[in-house]
């Protein structure tokens, strides 16, 4: 059991490379992604992702350690969590709000992310860039919702 955390923020980008925008609620659709996000319509750089998550604690840590400050949503992950050990959810089922997801793999940073942010972002996020997950049961995800392993 990984424990219980919460959704701190939700971001979607309407098309590939578009700026992300914060939303308070989003519909998660199994096998498709988040309605209104680039991956939902197969436009993202890594099309095929249903949902990506990142820990807010990681963002704080890289700012402390490297001086790299990633403004909300600039990290390109859909859901920012608090108090959830995302790396432990690879291969596990977990609930995010009303949706049920399964961790697929770590969301390692890439040069594309670094080109959209600042030098050093890639190395700062290695092995802690978040989680790629499949949505296996539809449901709404809202800021403040619980994230819990099943």
Protein backbone atom coordinates (compact mmCIF):
# COMPACT_ATOMS: atom_id res chain seq x y z
CA UNK A 1 0.00 0.00 0.00
CA UNK A 2 1.47 3.33 -1.06
CA UNK A 3 -0.90 5.45 1.00
CA UNK A 4 -3.16 8.35 0.31
CA UNK A 5 -2.35 11.69 -1.23
CA UNK A 6 -4.18 14.32 -3.19
CA UNK A 7 -4.46 16.08 -6.52
CA UNK A 8 -2.81 19.48 -6.16
CA UNK A 9 -3.21 20.71 -9.76
CA UNK A 10 -4.45 19.57 -13.17
CA UNK A 11 -3.03 20.81 -16.48
CA UNK A 12 -3.97 20.10 -20.08
CA UNK A 13 -2.56 21.30 -23.39
CA UNK A 14 -5.09 21.43 -26.21
CA UNK A 15 -2.52 20.48 -28.86
CA UNK A 16 1.11 19.34 -29.16
CA UNK A 17 3.61 21.88 -27.83
CA UNK A 18 0.80 24.26 -26.80
CA UNK A 19 1.09 25.96 -23.44
CA UNK A 20 -0.62 24.00 -20.68
CA UNK A 21 -3.58 25.47 -18.90
CA UNK A 22 -4.79 24.80 -15.38
CA UNK A 23 -8.25 23.29 -14.96
CA UNK A 24 -10.13 22.48 -11.77
CA UNK A 25 -11.73 19.34 -13.19
CA UNK A 26 -11.20 16.98 -16.10
CA UNK A 27 -12.86 13.83 -17.43
CA UNK A 28 -10.53 10.80 -17.56
CA UNK A 29 -11.53 8.36 -20.32
CA UNK A 30 -10.18 4.80 -20.35
CA UNK A 31 -7.84 4.14 -23.26
CA UNK A 32 -8.04 7.77 -24.47
CA UNK A 33 -6.72 10.14 -21.83
CA UNK A 34 -8.02 13.38 -20.40
CA UNK A 35 -10.78 15.02 -22.41
CA UNK A 36 -9.41 18.28 -23.84
CA UNK A 37 -5.74 17.25 -23.61
CA UNK A 38 -3.40 16.74 -26.56
CA UNK A 39 -3.05 13.01 -25.90
CA UNK A 40 -6.82 12.51 -26.03
CA UNK A 41 -6.68 13.38 -29.73
CA UNK A 42 -3.28 11.71 -30.36
CA UNK A 43 -1.47 15.04 -30.84
CA UNK A 44 1.15 14.89 -28.10
CA UNK A 45 4.84 14.22 -28.52
CA UNK A 46 4.33 10.90 -26.73
CA UNK A 47 0.88 10.05 -28.06
CA UNK A 48 -0.53 6.97 -26.44
CA UNK A 49 -0.16 8.29 -22.90
CA UNK A 50 -3.47 8.35 -21.08
CA UNK A 51 -2.34 10.45 -18.11
CA UNK A 52 0.94 11.68 -16.62
CA UNK A 53 1.52 12.61 -12.99
CA UNK A 54 4.30 14.33 -11.04
CA UNK A 55 4.93 14.88 -7.32
CA UNK A 56 4.84 18.47 -6.04
CA UNK A 57 7.58 17.45 -3.61
CA UNK A 58 9.87 16.71 -6.57
CA UNK A 59 9.30 20.18 -7.98
CA UNK A 60 10.23 21.70 -4.61
CA UNK A 61 13.31 19.47 -4.34
CA UNK A 62 14.74 20.38 -7.74
CA UNK A 63 14.29 24.05 -6.97
CA UNK A 64 16.20 23.61 -3.68
CA UNK A 65 18.90 21.42 -5.19
CA UNK A 66 19.38 22.93 -8.66
CA UNK A 67 17.72 26.33 -8.56
CA UNK A 68 15.37 25.16 -11.32
CA UNK A 69 11.90 26.53 -10.77
CA UNK A 70 9.21 24.98 -12.92
CA UNK A 71 6.08 27.09 -12.86
CA UNK A 72 2.79 25.16 -12.57
CA UNK A 73 2.17 23.09 -15.70
CA UNK A 74 5.52 23.85 -17.34
CA UNK A 75 6.66 20.31 -16.43
CA UNK A 76 4.11 19.06 -19.04
CA UNK A 77 2.57 16.47 -16.67
CA UNK A 78 -1.23 16.42 -16.37
CA UNK A 79 -1.68 15.90 -12.64
CA UNK A 80 0.47 17.28 -9.85
CA UNK A 81 0.12 15.28 -6.64
CA UNK A 82 1.07 15.73 -3.00
CA UNK A 83 1.98 12.93 -0.57
CA UNK A 84 2.04 10.16 -3.21
CA UNK A 85 5.14 8.08 -3.97
CA UNK A 86 4.48 7.82 -7.71
CA UNK A 87 7.52 5.64 -8.51
CA UNK A 88 5.98 2.91 -6.35
CA UNK A 89 2.84 2.84 -8.50
CA UNK A 90 4.49 1.31 -11.58
CA UNK A 91 2.49 -1.88 -12.25
CA UNK A 92 -0.07 -0.97 -9.59
CA UNK A 93 -3.70 0.13 -9.78
CA UNK A 94 -4.67 3.33 -8.05
CA UNK A 95 -7.57 5.74 -7.87
CA UNK A 96 -7.33 9.42 -8.84
CA UNK A 97 -10.62 11.02 -7.91
CA UNK A 98 -13.29 8.88 -9.59
CA UNK A 99 -10.92 7.38 -12.19
CA UNK A 100 -8.95 4.16 -11.79
CA UNK A 101 -5.47 4.08 -13.33
CA UNK A 102 -2.59 1.64 -13.64
CA UNK A 103 1.01 2.78 -13.48
CA UNK A 104 2.80 1.90 -16.74
CA UNK A 105 6.31 3.34 -16.39
CA UNK A 106 8.31 6.22 -15.00
CA UNK A 107 7.88 9.41 -16.99
CA UNK A 108 11.55 10.14 -17.58
CA UNK A 109 12.39 13.64 -18.80
CA UNK A 110 13.52 14.22 -22.36
CA UNK A 111 15.37 16.83 -24.37
CA UNK A 112 12.00 18.10 -25.64
CA UNK A 113 11.00 19.01 -22.07
CA UNK A 114 14.34 20.69 -21.50
CA UNK A 115 13.95 22.70 -24.72
CA UNK A 116 10.62 24.01 -23.39
CA UNK A 117 12.02 24.84 -19.94
CA UNK A 118 15.65 25.48 -19.03
CA UNK A 119 19.04 23.83 -19.18
CA UNK A 120 19.47 21.28 -16.39
CA UNK A 121 15.81 20.26 -16.20
CA UNK A 122 16.49 16.90 -17.82
CA UNK A 123 19.22 15.88 -15.35
CA UNK A 124 17.29 17.29 -12.38
CA UNK A 125 14.25 15.10 -13.17
CA UNK A 126 15.99 11.79 -13.98
CA UNK A 127 14.15 8.96 -12.15
CA UNK A 128 11.74 11.44 -10.59
CA UNK A 129 10.01 12.97 -13.60
CA UNK A 130 6.69 11.40 -12.70
CA UNK A 131 4.57 8.49 -13.84
CA UNK A 132 2.89 7.48 -17.08
CA UNK A 133 -0.36 5.67 -16.39
CA UNK A 134 -3.22 4.05 -18.27
CA UNK A 135 -6.76 5.00 -17.35
CA UNK A 136 -8.66 1.74 -16.86
CA UNK A 137 -11.96 3.12 -15.52
CA UNK A 138 -13.51 6.46 -16.55
CA UNK A 139 -14.17 9.16 -14.01
CA UNK A 140 -13.85 12.81 -13.10
CA UNK A 141 -10.63 14.10 -11.55
CA UNK A 142 -10.81 17.32 -9.54
CA UNK A 143 -8.26 19.45 -7.71
CA UNK A 144 -8.34 18.28 -4.09
CA UNK A 145 -9.38 14.70 -4.95
CA UNK A 146 -7.80 11.77 -3.17
CA UNK A 147 -5.10 9.64 -4.84
CA UNK A 148 -4.89 6.17 -3.31
CA UNK A 149 -3.53 2.77 -4.20
CA UNK A 150 -6.03 -0.05 -4.65
